Amino acid sequence: MTKAIVTGLFVITLGIVTSTADVTPYFQVLIREIDNPSGNLLDGTPCTPFGFTGFGCNTLLTGGVAVGSDITTTLLGTALNTHGETKISNLNLIMKDVNANAATEFTFHSDIKPILGKI
């Protein structure tokens, strides 16, 4: 096949998929980051022995993934998780999703690598 034919087929296929796609949202992700510069945990204890330097280390990431088409973001749903639970049952704290109980797993990976400059 020539490049023009492949490009034409791609455009036609994309047009068909776009015209028949459901316009309701089917996948949403909300991640909120809150950095507490005091470096204290939720119970008030310092999270590092180097707190006297002013280095904060209390970063709370709250994430939710909705997998259905009946998704609404509620005011109560965007509230922070105050008890630190990260189970799959906690997804509805972020979004109201009627299909959240059908999810089989929820994984999160964060890789933070500090870059040190030369002195």
Protein backbone atom coordinates (compact mmCIF):
# COMPACT_ATOMS: atom_id res chain seq x y z
CA MET A 1 0.00 0.00 0.00
CA THR A 2 1.15 3.45 -0.69
CA LYS A 3 1.46 6.11 1.95
CA ALA A 4 -1.53 8.04 0.52
CA ILE A 5 -3.82 4.99 0.70
CA VAL A 6 -2.79 4.20 4.28
CA THR A 7 -3.31 7.84 5.29
CA GLY A 8 -6.72 7.89 3.61
CA LEU A 9 -7.84 4.70 5.36
CA PHE A 10 -6.64 6.08 8.69
CA VAL A 11 -8.61 9.32 8.22
CA ILE A 12 -11.76 7.41 7.21
CA THR A 13 -11.44 5.05 10.19
CA LEU A 14 -10.83 7.94 12.56
CA GLY A 15 -13.90 9.74 11.20
CA ILE A 16 -16.10 6.67 11.71
CA VAL A 17 -14.84 6.10 15.25
CA THR A 18 -15.25 9.78 16.13
CA SER A 19 -18.79 9.96 14.78
CA THR A 20 -19.93 6.83 16.63
CA ALA A 21 -18.08 7.44 19.91
CA ASP A 22 -20.07 8.03 23.08
CA VAL A 23 -19.79 11.67 24.10
CA THR A 24 -20.23 10.93 27.80
CA PRO A 25 -17.01 10.74 29.81
CA TYR A 26 -15.89 7.17 30.34
CA PHE A 27 -12.54 7.69 32.05
CA GLN A 28 -11.57 10.43 34.46
CA VAL A 29 -8.59 10.85 36.75
CA LEU A 30 -8.25 13.36 39.56
CA ILE A 31 -5.00 13.66 41.46
CA ARG A 32 -4.54 16.39 44.02
CA GLU A 33 -1.25 17.17 45.69
CA ILE A 34 -0.99 19.03 48.98
CA ASP A 35 2.45 19.80 50.31
CA ASN A 36 2.73 20.70 53.98
CA PRO A 37 5.99 22.61 54.42
CA SER A 38 6.00 21.98 58.17
CA GLY A 39 6.87 18.31 57.57
CA ASN A 40 4.34 16.86 60.01
CA LEU A 41 2.25 13.74 59.58
CA LEU A 42 -1.53 13.73 59.96
CA ASP A 43 -1.22 12.93 63.68
CA GLY A 44 1.18 15.84 64.25
CA THR A 45 4.42 13.89 64.60
CA PRO A 46 7.37 15.00 62.47
CA CYS A 47 7.97 12.83 59.43
CA THR A 48 11.71 13.33 59.36
CA PRO A 49 14.46 13.86 61.93
CA PHE A 50 15.63 16.79 59.81
CA GLY A 51 12.52 18.92 60.39
CA PHE A 52 14.62 21.66 61.96
CA THR A 53 16.00 22.46 58.51
CA GLY A 54 12.55 23.52 57.31
CA PHE A 55 12.37 20.68 54.79
CA GLY A 56 8.74 19.60 54.41
CA CYS A 57 7.96 16.02 53.53
CA ASN A 58 4.23 15.64 54.00
CA THR A 59 2.93 15.32 50.47
CA LEU A 60 -0.52 13.79 50.21
CA LEU A 61 -1.64 12.44 46.85
CA THR A 62 -5.28 11.54 46.54
CA GLY A 63 -6.25 9.86 43.29
CA GLY A 64 -9.39 8.40 41.86
CA VAL A 65 -10.16 6.62 38.61
CA ALA A 66 -13.69 6.30 37.31
CA VAL A 67 -14.45 3.60 34.76
CA GLY A 68 -18.09 4.15 33.92
CA SER A 69 -20.10 6.55 31.80
CA ASP A 70 -22.29 7.78 34.69
CA ILE A 71 -19.69 9.96 36.40
CA THR A 72 -20.27 13.10 38.42
CA THR A 73 -17.83 15.03 40.54
CA THR A 74 -19.44 16.01 43.82
CA LEU A 75 -18.40 18.60 46.37
CA LEU A 76 -18.22 15.95 49.08
CA GLY A 77 -16.41 13.65 46.67
CA THR A 78 -13.47 15.98 46.32
CA ALA A 79 -12.87 16.17 50.08
CA LEU A 80 -9.51 14.96 51.32
CA ASN A 81 -9.16 11.53 52.81
CA THR A 82 -8.35 12.33 56.42
CA HIS A 83 -7.50 8.79 57.54
CA GLY A 84 -4.93 7.83 54.89
CA GLU A 85 -6.82 4.88 53.39
CA THR A 86 -5.65 3.82 49.93
CA LYS A 87 -7.99 0.90 49.30
CA ILE A 88 -10.07 0.47 46.16
CA SER A 89 -13.19 1.22 48.23
CA ASN A 90 -11.91 4.75 48.63
CA LEU A 91 -12.32 5.71 44.96
CA ASN A 92 -15.79 7.13 45.48
CA LEU A 93 -14.35 9.80 47.77
CA ILE A 94 -13.14 11.48 44.59
CA MET A 95 -15.80 10.66 42.03
CA LYS A 96 -19.24 9.20 42.09
CA ASP A 97 -19.02 6.19 39.80
CA VAL A 98 -21.67 3.49 39.73
CA ASN A 99 -19.12 1.00 38.35
CA ALA A 100 -16.37 1.60 40.93
CA ASN A 101 -17.17 -1.64 42.78
CA ALA A 102 -16.46 -3.61 39.59
CA ALA A 103 -12.81 -2.55 39.55
CA THR A 104 -10.41 -5.35 40.40
CA GLU A 105 -7.24 -3.43 41.21
CA PHE A 106 -5.84 0.03 41.77
CA THR A 107 -2.12 0.62 41.58
CA PHE A 108 0.00 3.71 41.89
CA HIS A 109 3.71 4.15 41.38
CA SER A 110 5.71 7.26 42.07
CA ASP A 111 9.41 7.58 41.36
CA ILE A 112 11.02 10.74 42.72
CA LYS A 113 14.69 11.27 41.92
CA PRO A 114 16.31 14.41 43.30
CA ILE A 115 18.84 16.15 41.10
CA LEU A 116 21.84 17.43 43.00
CA GLY A 117 23.89 20.24 41.57
CA LYS A 118 27.63 20.59 41.83
CA ILE A 119 28.94 22.87 44.56
